[in-house]
Amino acid sequence: MDNIRLILVSALAFVLFLLYQAWVEDYGQILAPTQTSSPAPALPAAPVDADKTLPSASDIPPAPASAEEEGAVRGLPGPAIDPTEAQTSRTIEVRTDVLHVEIDTQGGDIRKLFLLDYPRDTEDEADPFRLMNDTHPNLFVAQSGLYSAQQKAPSHLALFETAQSQYTLADGADSLTVPLSWKDPSGITVQKTYTFHRGSYLINHHQKVSNASDTVWSGREYRQFQRTPLPEGEQARFIYTYTGGAIYSPEEKYDKISFDDMADSNLEKTFSGGWAAMLQHYFLGAWIPPVEEKGSYFSRALKVPPPSRYVIGMYSPQVDIAPGATHEFAARLFAGPKLQDRLADVAPGLELSVDYGWLTVLSQPLFWLLNKLHGFFGNWGWAIIMVTVLIKLAFFKLSETSYKSMANMRRVAPRLQALKDRYGDDKQRMNQAMMELYKKEKINPLGGCLPIVVQIPVFIALYWVLLESVELRQAPFILWIDNLSSPDPFYILPLLMGISMFIQQKLNPAPIDPMQAKIMMSLPFVFTIFFAFFPAGLVLYWVVNNILSIAQQWYITRQITATTK
């Protein structure tokens, strides 16, 4: 068996699979019928049974009703309010050493969030990447609020007050607190507080409820993300990366909740010690409740005019606050890059948001090795090269078996061609004569298959490491390659990759079938075009791997040729 053919066909199948994923993500989704923009009908004041989903035209998700609330839960007020339509609210600007945040006094929502250490592109490092945004088409906001079936409670539509409109982390200070307040004439007051920390993307969130009324206040806190899918122009071409929701529970672990899943059905789960997040390539936002809190997790696809909006979040358990008492709801909000050395310390399972798929068990050790080598060389490009070299050394013996099989096949190629000329279209006699030749020359045509099959998962795992790791985003290498996460601007690496594939083919016996030979000869050109759109870091890996394979194969072929003379 021609093993180089197996390598190339497997690689082509993998690339075609990636292209198919990207096509499905961009064009394969079935569009929902367009919703009209007429106002939602008024909600009835009739009670709702505790075991039914609470109907609501608001983008405040329904709370799970407790036994005490049965027959008392009423519809939430008003139609959905678009985050861009707040009329009487104002913006609070918060700046730390790593974050620039805009908080709206309507609901105390985080409407905009910029990552100061991550430029939007390499051409303007003063233009930070905007993770959260309150305008279409790329809407992504973090919201929180309180829900009470009978008493007043500030949702994310309520107006809060604040003492000042700008907050800046002072030199030498480790934290910055931003307070907002809400008060109802009935005697219920709420103090919502965000606490930012130096060098951190983790934000502490508190809502302190004080009950100065003469009745018990009963309610819950909810935290949620609301967003639209990424606009088409911001999605990577030819490469699929996941954008959507995710939850984590100690029992079921990491579970992606895609926008299609949200449109098909509402998520309804209850568990402790988890989190809910919205993910995109390199970055995420995650609400993390206290470990001991038994949260009710939900998702919704909002029925609003296009573009569609999706919500994922959780409710806290209900609390009862007696007159004169207080209660503080607490949670944490992570909004930043998927830095793998930090995520595991933030919350259990949060490191799984760096989605390596089913090869995580291989990808995580490979990233660990890549990160260690980067610490030594100080350059991600050289780290990629050294990881490729180490992988090649680890599989040296397996590769040697495969290349010996190829070399022996190349040695008997003229005799195989003679057999083809002798027997013509008589495939049965042709195959019988080939088997006799292999037996006489002690050649196992399948001898190189297993080594190649064993290596393919490792190569794919490294592919996902290079694709998913934010540490490599905009990382420079040398000379013209100033960004390993974007395509080579001069297409030099893809050309080198195509040339190296062509040389590899020349080191192996050409297929006996002329049509197969033509197809194999065309693959280097096809792959060169594909890889022209791939990130330079991935192409660098393939180029180095091909060069090492050529050197090893040339050496083994020369040895076998010398011993048979």
Protein backbone atom coordinates (compact mmCIF):
# COMPACT_ATOMS: atom_id res chain seq x y z
CA MET A 1 0.00 0.00 0.00
CA ASP A 2 1.27 3.42 -0.86
CA ASN A 3 1.45 5.02 2.60
CA ILE A 4 2.13 8.56 1.43
CA ARG A 5 -1.19 8.32 -0.37
CA LEU A 6 -2.84 7.47 2.94
CA ILE A 7 -1.22 10.50 4.60
CA LEU A 8 -2.28 12.90 1.88
CA VAL A 9 -5.80 11.54 1.52
CA SER A 10 -6.29 11.65 5.31
CA ALA A 11 -5.02 15.22 5.42
CA LEU A 12 -7.25 16.20 2.51
CA ALA A 13 -10.26 14.63 4.22
CA PHE A 14 -9.44 16.59 7.37
CA VAL A 15 -9.17 19.89 5.48
CA LEU A 16 -12.41 19.20 3.62
CA PHE A 17 -14.09 18.48 6.95
CA LEU A 18 -12.94 21.87 8.27
CA LEU A 19 -14.24 23.58 5.15
CA TYR A 20 -17.56 21.79 5.55
CA GLN A 21 -17.81 22.92 9.17
CA ALA A 22 -17.16 26.51 8.15
CA TRP A 23 -19.74 26.30 5.37
CA VAL A 24 -22.39 24.91 7.69
CA GLU A 25 -21.63 27.64 10.23
CA ASP A 26 -21.95 30.38 7.60
CA TYR A 27 -24.65 29.11 5.26
CA GLY A 28 -26.12 25.89 6.52
CA GLN A 29 -28.35 27.21 9.29
CA ILE A 30 -32.06 27.36 8.59
CA LEU A 31 -33.28 30.88 9.12
CA ALA A 32 -36.25 31.37 11.36
CA PRO A 33 -39.24 33.22 9.93
CA THR A 34 -38.84 36.97 10.20
CA GLN A 35 -40.61 38.39 13.23
CA THR A 36 -42.70 41.49 12.85
CA SER A 37 -41.83 44.48 14.97
CA SER A 38 -45.36 45.08 16.23
CA PRO A 39 -45.64 45.59 20.01
CA ALA A 40 -46.15 42.52 22.14
CA PRO A 41 -49.65 42.08 23.53
CA ALA A 42 -50.30 43.04 27.14
CA LEU A 43 -49.76 40.20 29.58
CA PRO A 44 -52.67 38.92 31.62
CA ALA A 45 -52.60 39.33 35.36
CA ALA A 46 -53.96 35.86 35.90
CA PRO A 47 -51.92 33.51 38.10
CA VAL A 48 -49.62 30.92 36.56
CA ASP A 49 -49.29 27.39 37.89
CA ALA A 50 -45.98 26.60 39.52
CA ASP A 51 -45.19 23.73 37.16
CA LYS A 52 -45.55 25.78 33.98
CA THR A 53 -43.20 28.15 32.22
CA LEU A 54 -44.05 31.72 33.07
CA PRO A 55 -45.16 33.55 29.89
CA SER A 56 -43.32 36.78 29.36
CA ALA A 57 -42.82 39.26 26.53
CA SER A 58 -39.82 40.60 28.39
CA ASP A 59 -36.28 39.46 27.97
CA ILE A 60 -36.25 38.76 31.69
CA PRO A 61 -36.42 34.95 31.79
CA PRO A 62 -39.12 33.32 33.89
CA ALA A 63 -38.24 32.34 37.43
CA PRO A 64 -39.04 28.85 38.63
CA ALA A 65 -41.96 29.27 41.00
CA SER A 66 -41.73 27.83 44.51
CA ALA A 67 -44.60 26.21 46.34
CA GLU A 68 -45.23 29.41 48.29
CA GLU A 69 -45.53 31.37 45.04
CA GLU A 70 -48.10 29.07 43.43
CA GLY A 71 -51.07 31.11 42.32
CA ALA A 72 -49.25 34.40 43.04
CA VAL A 73 -46.73 34.62 40.18
CA ARG A 74 -47.71 37.21 37.60
CA GLY A 75 -46.41 38.19 34.19
CA LEU A 76 -43.33 40.38 34.12
CA PRO A 77 -43.82 43.94 32.89
CA GLY A 78 -43.64 45.20 29.35
CA PRO A 79 -42.11 44.16 26.06
CA ALA A 80 -38.40 43.56 25.54
CA ILE A 81 -36.28 46.71 25.70
CA ASP A 82 -33.38 46.80 23.32
CA PRO A 83 -30.10 47.77 25.11
CA THR A 84 -29.60 50.53 22.54
CA GLU A 85 -32.89 52.26 23.41
CA ALA A 86 -32.33 53.42 26.99
CA GLN A 87 -33.51 57.04 27.20
CA THR A 88 -33.00 58.20 30.75
CA SER A 89 -29.98 56.14 31.74
CA ARG A 90 -26.36 57.25 31.70
CA THR A 91 -23.02 55.53 31.33
CA ILE A 92 -20.43 54.84 34.02
CA GLU A 93 -16.89 54.45 32.70
CA VAL A 94 -14.52 52.16 34.59
CA ARG A 95 -10.84 51.76 33.77
CA THR A 96 -8.32 49.36 35.28
CA ASP A 97 -4.91 48.31 34.01
CA VAL A 98 -6.45 45.58 31.80
CA LEU A 99 -10.09 46.58 31.32
CA HIS A 100 -12.12 49.52 30.05
CA VAL A 101 -15.76 48.95 30.98
CA GLU A 102 -18.96 50.91 30.39
CA ILE A 103 -21.80 50.23 32.85
CA ASP A 104 -25.29 51.54 32.16
CA THR A 105 -27.32 52.84 35.08
CA GLN A 106 -30.31 51.11 33.51
CA GLY A 107 -30.07 47.76 35.22
CA GLY A 108 -26.39 48.19 36.05
CA ASP A 109 -25.63 46.18 32.90
CA ILE A 110 -22.11 45.88 31.54
CA ARG A 111 -22.75 47.20 28.04
CA LYS A 112 -19.20 47.56 26.70
CA LEU A 113 -15.98 45.88 27.74
CA PHE A 114 -12.58 46.45 26.10
CA LEU A 115 -9.50 44.28 26.70
CA LEU A 116 -6.64 46.76 26.88
CA ASP A 117 -3.85 44.18 26.48
CA TYR A 118 -5.41 42.69 23.34
CA PRO A 119 -5.43 44.98 20.28
CA ARG A 120 -8.20 44.50 17.74
CA ASP A 121 -5.52 43.98 15.09
CA THR A 122 -1.77 44.38 14.78
CA GLU A 123 -2.01 47.54 12.69
CA ASP A 124 -3.23 49.67 15.60
CA GLU A 125 -2.20 48.47 19.04
CA ALA A 126 -3.95 51.44 20.64
CA ASP A 127 -7.33 50.09 19.50
CA PRO A 128 -8.29 47.44 22.09
CA PHE A 129 -10.44 44.44 21.33
CA ARG A 130 -14.08 44.95 22.32
CA LEU A 131 -15.49 41.80 23.88
CA MET A 132 -18.85 43.25 24.92
CA ASN A 133 -20.95 45.66 22.92
CA ASP A 134 -24.49 47.07 23.17
CA THR A 135 -25.15 47.75 19.49
CA HIS A 136 -26.20 45.55 16.62
CA PRO A 137 -25.17 43.44 14.85
CA ASN A 138 -22.55 42.30 17.36
CA LEU A 139 -24.49 42.63 20.60
CA PHE A 140 -23.08 41.01 23.75
CA VAL A 141 -23.97 42.32 27.22
CA ALA A 142 -23.80 41.02 30.81
CA GLN A 143 -26.97 41.57 32.84
CA SER A 144 -28.17 40.93 36.36
CA GLY A 145 -31.28 41.73 38.33
CA LEU A 146 -33.66 40.71 41.07
CA TYR A 147 -37.01 39.00 40.65
CA SER A 148 -39.83 38.95 43.17
CA ALA A 149 -43.31 37.62 42.50
CA GLN A 150 -45.07 40.02 44.88
CA GLN A 151 -42.74 42.82 46.00
CA LYS A 152 -40.81 45.47 44.11
CA ALA A 153 -37.41 44.34 42.76
CA PRO A 154 -34.99 45.98 40.31
CA SER A 155 -34.56 43.98 37.11
CA HIS A 156 -32.02 44.86 34.45
CA LEU A 157 -34.59 47.37 33.17
CA ALA A 158 -34.61 49.37 36.42
CA LEU A 159 -32.73 52.66 36.79
CA PHE A 160 -29.92 52.79 39.36
CA GLU A 161 -28.19 55.81 40.81
CA THR A 162 -24.46 56.39 41.22
CA ALA A 163 -22.32 59.04 42.86
CA GLN A 164 -19.98 59.55 39.91
CA SER A 165 -19.71 58.68 36.25
CA GLN A 166 -16.00 57.73 36.08
CA TYR A 167 -13.92 55.32 38.11
CA THR A 168 -10.20 54.63 37.61
CA LEU A 169 -7.98 52.14 39.40
CA ALA A 170 -5.51 54.30 41.31
CA ASP A 171 -1.76 53.76 41.12
CA GLY A 172 -0.73 51.28 43.79
CA ALA A 173 -4.32 50.16 44.45
CA ASP A 174 -5.21 46.49 44.05
CA SER A 175 -8.97 46.88 43.62
CA LEU A 176 -11.64 49.31 42.51
CA THR A 177 -15.26 49.32 43.72
CA VAL A 178 -18.14 50.73 41.67
CA PRO A 179 -21.40 51.09 43.67
CA LEU A 180 -24.91 51.60 42.27
CA SER A 181 -28.08 52.00 44.29
CA TRP A 182 -31.84 51.55 43.83
CA LYS A 183 -34.60 52.47 46.24
CA ASP A 184 -38.34 51.89 46.29
CA PRO A 185 -40.78 53.98 48.36
CA SER A 186 -41.97 50.78 50.01
CA GLY A 187 -38.66 50.62 51.90
CA ILE A 188 -36.73 48.14 49.75
CA THR A 189 -33.23 49.32 48.83
CA VAL A 190 -30.63 47.53 46.71
CA GLN A 191 -26.89 48.24 46.56
CA LYS A 192 -25.33 46.71 43.44
CA THR A 193 -21.52 46.63 43.53
CA TYR A 194 -18.87 45.68 41.01
CA THR A 195 -15.34 45.13 42.32
CA PHE A 196 -12.48 45.12 39.80
CA HIS A 197 -8.97 43.86 40.55
CA ARG A 198 -5.55 44.80 39.23
CA GLY A 199 -4.31 42.53 36.45
CA SER A 200 -7.50 40.46 36.57
CA TYR A 201 -10.44 39.78 34.28
CA LEU A 202 -12.48 38.46 37.19
CA ILE A 203 -15.09 40.90 38.56
CA ASN A 204 -16.86 40.43 41.87
CA HIS A 205 -20.58 41.19 41.74
CA HIS A 206 -22.80 41.81 44.79
CA GLN A 207 -26.40 42.89 45.31
CA LYS A 208 -27.27 43.78 48.89
CA VAL A 209 -31.00 43.92 49.58
CA SER A 210 -32.15 45.87 52.68
CA ASN A 211 -35.75 45.49 53.76
CA ALA A 212 -37.03 48.54 55.65
CA SER A 213 -40.64 47.70 54.85
CA ASP A 214 -43.11 46.03 57.20
CA THR A 215 -43.45 42.82 55.15
CA VAL A 216 -41.17 39.94 54.24
CA TRP A 217 -39.39 40.41 50.91
CA SER A 218 -39.10 37.20 48.88
CA GLY A 219 -37.11 36.98 45.70
CA ARG A 220 -34.19 35.69 43.63
CA GLU A 221 -31.21 37.08 41.77
CA TYR A 222 -30.63 36.25 38.12
CA ARG A 223 -27.47 36.74 36.07
CA GLN A 224 -27.40 36.34 32.32
CA PHE A 225 -25.67 37.09 29.04
CA GLN A 226 -27.55 38.36 26.04
CA ARG A 227 -25.95 38.34 22.60
CA THR A 228 -26.37 37.95 18.88
CA PRO A 229 -24.29 35.56 16.73
CA LEU A 230 -21.07 36.99 15.37
CA PRO A 231 -21.54 39.00 12.16
CA GLU A 232 -20.42 37.19 9.03
CA GLY A 233 -17.43 39.49 8.53
CA GLU A 234 -16.00 38.61 11.96
CA GLN A 235 -16.08 34.84 11.44
CA ALA A 236 -12.89 33.15 10.33
CA ARG A 237 -13.07 31.80 6.79
CA PHE A 238 -12.17 28.15 6.11
CA ILE A 239 -11.73 27.58 9.86
CA TYR A 240 -14.57 26.74 12.21
CA THR A 241 -14.52 28.02 15.78
CA TYR A 242 -17.42 27.80 18.20
CA THR A 243 -19.50 30.83 19.15
CA GLY A 244 -22.40 30.22 21.53
CA GLY A 245 -23.37 29.27 25.05
CA ALA A 246 -21.94 26.72 27.47
CA ILE A 247 -22.66 25.49 30.97
CA TYR A 248 -20.69 23.38 33.41
CA SER A 249 -21.99 21.13 36.16
CA PRO A 250 -20.07 18.71 38.40
CA GLU A 251 -22.29 15.87 37.18
CA GLU A 252 -22.43 16.43 33.41
CA LYS A 253 -19.25 18.51 33.09
CA TYR A 254 -18.79 20.82 30.10
CA ASP A 255 -21.83 21.16 27.82
CA LYS A 256 -22.14 23.48 24.84
CA ILE A 257 -25.55 25.10 24.32
CA SER A 258 -25.50 26.41 20.76
CA PHE A 259 -27.76 29.12 19.40
CA ASP A 260 -29.64 26.42 17.48
CA ASP A 261 -30.14 24.52 20.75
CA MET A 262 -31.54 27.67 22.36
CA ALA A 263 -33.90 28.19 19.42
CA ASP A 264 -35.11 24.58 19.56
CA SER A 265 -35.82 24.39 23.29
CA ASN A 266 -35.30 26.25 26.54
CA LEU A 267 -32.59 25.02 28.86
CA GLU A 268 -33.93 24.17 32.34
CA LYS A 269 -31.41 22.59 34.74
CA THR A 270 -30.68 22.91 38.43
CA PHE A 271 -27.33 22.10 40.05
CA SER A 272 -24.64 23.48 42.37
CA GLY A 273 -21.03 24.33 41.65
CA GLY A 274 -21.31 25.25 38.00
CA TRP A 275 -21.19 28.25 35.67
CA ALA A 276 -22.82 29.62 32.51
CA ALA A 277 -20.93 31.32 29.71
CA MET A 278 -21.01 32.81 26.23
CA LEU A 279 -17.99 31.72 24.20
CA GLN A 280 -16.28 32.90 21.07
CA HIS A 281 -12.87 32.37 19.50
CA TYR A 282 -10.16 33.23 22.08
CA PHE A 283 -12.52 35.00 24.55
CA LEU A 284 -15.48 34.37 26.84
CA GLY A 285 -17.82 35.81 29.41
CA ALA A 286 -18.86 33.57 32.33
CA TRP A 287 -21.17 34.05 35.31
CA ILE A 288 -19.87 32.01 38.25
CA PRO A 289 -22.19 31.68 41.27
CA PRO A 290 -20.99 30.56 44.72
CA VAL A 291 -20.08 26.87 44.79
CA GLU A 292 -22.70 26.08 47.41
CA GLU A 293 -25.50 27.87 45.55
CA LYS A 294 -28.02 25.57 43.87
CA GLY A 295 -28.71 27.56 40.74
CA SER A 296 -31.45 27.14 38.14
CA TYR A 297 -29.84 27.45 34.71
CA PHE A 298 -31.81 28.65 31.69
CA SER A 299 -31.49 29.71 28.06
CA ARG A 300 -33.87 31.61 25.79
CA ALA A 301 -34.11 32.60 22.14
CA LEU A 302 -35.79 36.00 22.26
CA LYS A 303 -38.64 36.71 19.85
CA VAL A 304 -37.46 40.07 18.61
CA PRO A 305 -36.86 41.53 15.14
CA PRO A 306 -33.62 40.33 13.47
CA PRO A 307 -30.83 39.91 14.29
CA SER A 308 -31.84 37.16 16.68
CA ARG A 309 -30.83 37.48 20.31
CA TYR A 310 -30.05 34.66 22.71
CA VAL A 311 -29.88 34.53 26.49
CA ILE A 312 -28.12 32.12 28.86
CA GLY A 313 -27.81 32.46 32.61
CA MET A 314 -28.99 31.28 36.02
CA TYR A 315 -31.27 32.09 38.95
CA SER A 316 -30.29 31.86 42.60
CA PRO A 317 -32.58 30.07 45.08
CA GLN A 318 -35.34 32.15 46.61
CA VAL A 319 -34.52 34.00 49.84
CA ASP A 320 -36.90 35.53 52.38
CA ILE A 321 -35.74 38.78 53.99
CA ALA A 322 -37.59 39.76 57.14
CA PRO A 323 -38.45 43.41 57.90
CA GLY A 324 -35.34 45.20 59.11
CA ALA A 325 -33.01 42.48 57.75
CA THR A 326 -30.59 42.40 54.83
CA HIS A 327 -29.30 39.77 52.43
CA GLU A 328 -26.41 39.88 49.97
CA PHE A 329 -26.40 37.99 46.67
CA ALA A 330 -22.89 37.29 45.39
CA ALA A 331 -21.42 36.02 42.13
CA ARG A 332 -18.35 36.48 39.97
CA LEU A 333 -18.13 37.57 36.37
CA PHE A 334 -15.19 36.56 34.19
CA ALA A 335 -14.85 38.56 30.98
CA GLY A 336 -11.60 38.17 29.10
CA PRO A 337 -9.24 35.90 27.16
CA LYS A 338 -9.14 32.12 27.51
CA LEU A 339 -5.80 32.08 29.31
CA GLN A 340 -5.37 28.44 30.22
CA ASP A 341 -3.06 29.06 33.18
CA ARG A 342 -5.76 31.21 34.83
CA LEU A 343 -9.10 29.65 33.95
CA ALA A 344 -8.72 26.53 36.10
CA ASP A 345 -8.07 28.73 39.14
CA VAL A 346 -11.17 30.84 38.47
CA ALA A 347 -13.70 27.98 38.49
CA PRO A 348 -13.69 24.18 38.07
CA GLY A 349 -13.98 23.23 34.41
CA LEU A 350 -13.61 26.77 33.07
CA GLU A 351 -10.40 25.74 31.30
CA LEU A 352 -12.58 23.46 29.12
CA SER A 353 -13.90 26.58 27.39
CA VAL A 354 -10.65 26.30 25.41
CA ASP A 355 -12.44 23.78 23.24
CA TYR A 356 -10.12 21.10 21.89
CA GLY A 357 -13.05 18.78 21.26
CA TRP A 358 -12.68 15.02 21.60
CA LEU A 359 -8.88 15.26 21.51
CA THR A 360 -8.63 17.34 24.70
CA VAL A 361 -6.75 14.51 26.43
CA LEU A 362 -3.96 14.94 23.86
CA SER A 363 -4.26 18.67 23.23
CA GLN A 364 -3.82 19.81 26.83
CA PRO A 365 -0.42 18.08 27.30
CA LEU A 366 0.68 19.43 23.92
CA PHE A 367 -0.23 22.97 24.96
CA TRP A 368 1.63 22.46 28.25
CA LEU A 369 4.73 21.46 26.28
CA LEU A 370 4.29 24.35 23.84
CA ASN A 371 3.92 26.80 26.71
CA LYS A 372 7.06 25.50 28.44
CA LEU A 373 9.07 25.84 25.24
CA HIS A 374 7.73 29.36 24.77
CA GLY A 375 8.99 30.21 28.25
CA PHE A 376 12.44 29.02 27.18
CA PHE A 377 12.63 30.57 23.70
CA GLY A 378 10.40 33.61 24.30
CA ASN A 379 8.88 33.15 20.83
CA TRP A 380 5.82 31.09 19.89
CA GLY A 381 7.16 30.39 16.40
CA TRP A 382 10.30 28.70 17.69
CA ALA A 383 8.16 26.88 20.27
CA ILE A 384 6.00 25.47 17.43
CA ILE A 385 9.12 24.33 15.58
CA MET A 386 10.55 22.60 18.67
CA VAL A 387 7.24 20.88 19.47
CA THR A 388 7.15 19.58 15.90
CA VAL A 389 10.72 18.30 16.26
CA LEU A 390 9.92 16.57 19.58
CA ILE A 391 6.80 14.94 18.15
CA LYS A 392 8.82 13.75 15.18
CA LEU A 393 11.43 12.26 17.52
CA ALA A 394 8.74 10.56 19.60
CA PHE A 395 7.36 8.86 16.50
CA PHE A 396 10.74 8.27 14.87
CA LYS A 397 10.60 4.47 15.01
CA LEU A 398 7.00 4.35 13.83
CA SER A 399 7.82 6.67 10.96
CA GLU A 400 10.88 4.60 10.16
CA THR A 401 8.68 1.53 9.68
CA SER A 402 6.41 3.43 7.35
CA TYR A 403 9.23 4.94 5.31
CA LYS A 404 10.97 1.58 4.97
CA SER A 405 7.77 0.17 3.54
CA MET A 406 7.60 3.09 1.10
CA ALA A 407 11.24 2.68 0.11
CA ASN A 408 10.78 -1.04 -0.58
CA MET A 409 7.68 -0.28 -2.60
CA ARG A 410 9.68 2.25 -4.60
CA ARG A 411 12.43 -0.36 -5.16
CA VAL A 412 10.01 -2.88 -6.71
CA ALA A 413 7.95 -0.26 -8.55
CA PRO A 414 9.47 -1.13 -12.00
CA ARG A 415 8.60 -4.80 -11.47
CA LEU A 416 5.05 -3.87 -10.43
CA GLN A 417 4.73 -1.85 -13.62
CA ALA A 418 5.98 -4.83 -15.61
CA LEU A 419 3.30 -7.01 -14.02
CA LYS A 420 0.66 -4.45 -14.97
CA ASP A 421 1.89 -4.42 -18.55
CA ARG A 422 1.89 -8.23 -18.66
CA TYR A 423 -1.56 -8.89 -17.23
CA GLY A 424 -3.34 -5.76 -18.46
CA ASP A 425 -6.97 -5.72 -17.28
CA ASP A 426 -6.86 -9.14 -15.63
CA LYS A 427 -7.04 -7.79 -12.08
CA GLN A 428 -7.29 -11.19 -10.42
CA ARG A 429 -4.04 -12.50 -11.91
CA MET A 430 -2.44 -9.07 -11.41
CA ASN A 431 -3.22 -9.08 -7.68
CA GLN A 432 -2.06 -12.68 -7.33
CA ALA A 433 1.28 -11.86 -9.00
CA MET A 434 1.70 -8.78 -6.77
CA MET A 435 1.16 -10.84 -3.62
CA GLU A 436 3.75 -13.36 -4.79
CA LEU A 437 6.23 -10.54 -5.44
CA TYR A 438 5.61 -9.01 -1.98
CA LYS A 439 6.11 -12.42 -0.37
CA LYS A 440 9.32 -13.09 -2.28
CA GLU A 441 10.79 -9.65 -1.46
CA LYS A 442 9.48 -9.79 2.16
CA ILE A 443 7.49 -6.60 1.74
CA ASN A 444 4.38 -5.92 3.78
CA PRO A 445 2.31 -3.42 1.78
CA LEU A 446 0.30 -2.67 4.93
CA GLY A 447 3.38 -2.30 7.13
CA GLY A 448 3.29 1.48 7.11
CA CYS A 449 -0.42 1.94 7.80
CA LEU A 450 -0.50 1.54 11.58
CA PRO A 451 2.30 4.06 12.28
CA ILE A 452 0.48 6.69 10.21
CA VAL A 453 -2.90 5.99 11.84
CA VAL A 454 -1.35 6.29 15.32
CA GLN A 455 0.18 9.69 14.51
CA ILE A 456 -2.88 11.30 12.92
CA PRO A 457 -4.71 12.02 16.26
CA VAL A 458 -1.58 13.71 17.63
CA PHE A 459 -1.26 15.90 14.55
CA ILE A 460 -4.95 16.89 14.72
CA ALA A 461 -4.65 17.57 18.47
CA LEU A 462 -1.75 19.94 17.83
CA TYR A 463 -3.81 21.58 15.08
CA TRP A 464 -6.52 22.45 17.63
CA VAL A 465 -3.92 23.69 20.12
CA LEU A 466 -2.53 26.13 17.55
CA LEU A 467 -6.03 27.19 16.50
CA GLU A 468 -7.65 27.64 19.92
CA SER A 469 -4.88 29.09 22.09
CA VAL A 470 -5.31 32.82 22.68
CA GLU A 471 -1.67 32.92 23.75
CA LEU A 472 -0.76 32.65 20.06
CA ARG A 473 -3.18 35.41 18.98
CA GLN A 474 -1.21 38.10 17.10
CA ALA A 475 2.07 36.48 18.24
CA PRO A 476 5.01 37.50 16.00
CA PHE A 477 7.62 35.09 14.68
CA ILE A 478 10.46 36.37 12.49
CA LEU A 479 10.92 38.42 9.33
CA TRP A 480 7.62 38.97 7.50
CA ILE A 481 5.51 36.80 9.86
CA ASP A 482 4.29 39.26 12.47
CA ASN A 483 1.11 37.37 13.40
CA LEU A 484 1.02 33.58 13.76
CA SER A 485 -2.78 33.60 14.15
CA SER A 486 -3.45 35.17 10.73
CA PRO A 487 -2.55 33.96 7.21
CA ASP A 488 0.92 34.59 5.80
CA PRO A 489 0.56 38.00 4.09
CA PHE A 490 2.99 37.04 1.29
CA TYR A 491 1.92 33.35 1.02
CA ILE A 492 5.52 32.20 1.39
CA LEU A 493 4.79 29.52 4.00
CA PRO A 494 1.91 27.99 1.97
CA LEU A 495 4.22 27.86 -1.08
CA LEU A 496 6.94 26.15 0.97
CA MET A 497 4.35 23.70 2.25
CA GLY A 498 3.24 22.89 -1.30
CA ILE A 499 6.84 22.44 -2.48
CA SER A 500 7.61 20.15 0.46
CA MET A 501 4.54 18.02 -0.33
CA PHE A 502 5.68 17.76 -3.95
CA ILE A 503 9.15 16.60 -2.88
CA GLN A 504 7.61 14.01 -0.55
CA GLN A 505 5.65 12.58 -3.46
CA LYS A 506 8.78 12.34 -5.58
CA LEU A 507 10.44 10.27 -2.83
CA ASN A 508 7.68 7.68 -3.09
CA PRO A 509 6.67 5.33 -5.87
CA ALA A 510 4.15 6.79 -8.26
CA PRO A 511 0.80 4.98 -8.39
CA ILE A 512 0.54 2.45 -11.18
CA ASP A 513 -2.85 3.81 -12.23
CA PRO A 514 -2.29 6.95 -14.40
CA MET A 515 -5.46 8.63 -13.07
CA GLN A 516 -4.35 8.13 -9.46
CA ALA A 517 -0.93 9.52 -10.36
CA LYS A 518 -2.52 12.69 -11.77
CA ILE A 519 -4.69 13.13 -8.68
CA MET A 520 -1.71 12.72 -6.37
CA MET A 521 0.31 15.23 -8.36
CA SER A 522 -2.49 17.78 -8.06
CA LEU A 523 -2.76 17.55 -4.26
CA PRO A 524 0.23 19.82 -3.49
CA PHE A 525 -1.37 22.58 -5.57
CA VAL A 526 -4.77 22.06 -3.93
CA PHE A 527 -3.28 22.12 -0.43
CA THR A 528 -1.24 25.22 -1.21
CA ILE A 529 -4.48 27.07 -2.02
CA PHE A 530 -6.20 25.77 1.13
CA PHE A 531 -3.31 26.63 3.42
CA ALA A 532 -3.04 30.15 2.02
CA PHE A 533 -6.08 30.95 4.20
CA PHE A 534 -4.87 29.12 7.31
CA PRO A 535 -3.13 30.86 10.24
CA ALA A 536 0.62 31.10 9.74
CA GLY A 537 1.28 29.12 12.94
CA LEU A 538 -0.55 26.10 11.56
CA VAL A 539 1.21 26.31 8.20
CA LEU A 540 4.57 26.65 9.99
CA TYR A 541 3.89 23.39 11.79
CA TRP A 542 3.08 21.58 8.51
CA VAL A 543 6.15 22.99 6.75
CA VAL A 544 8.51 21.91 9.55
CA ASN A 545 6.85 18.50 9.80
CA ASN A 546 7.16 17.98 6.04
CA ILE A 547 10.83 19.02 6.00
CA LEU A 548 11.65 16.61 8.83
CA SER A 549 9.70 13.84 7.08
CA ILE A 550 11.60 14.48 3.83
CA ALA A 551 14.96 14.27 5.63
CA GLN A 552 14.03 11.05 7.42
CA GLN A 553 12.53 9.45 4.33
CA TRP A 554 15.47 10.42 2.10
CA TYR A 555 17.92 8.93 4.60
CA ILE A 556 15.99 5.64 4.93
CA THR A 557 15.45 5.34 1.18
CA ARG A 558 19.16 5.86 0.52
CA GLN A 559 20.06 3.21 3.11
CA ILE A 560 17.73 0.61 1.59
CA THR A 561 18.89 1.43 -1.93
CA ALA A 562 22.54 1.01 -0.88
CA THR A 563 21.95 -2.39 0.76
CA THR A 564 20.18 -3.82 -2.29
CA LYS A 565 22.88 -2.92 -4.79
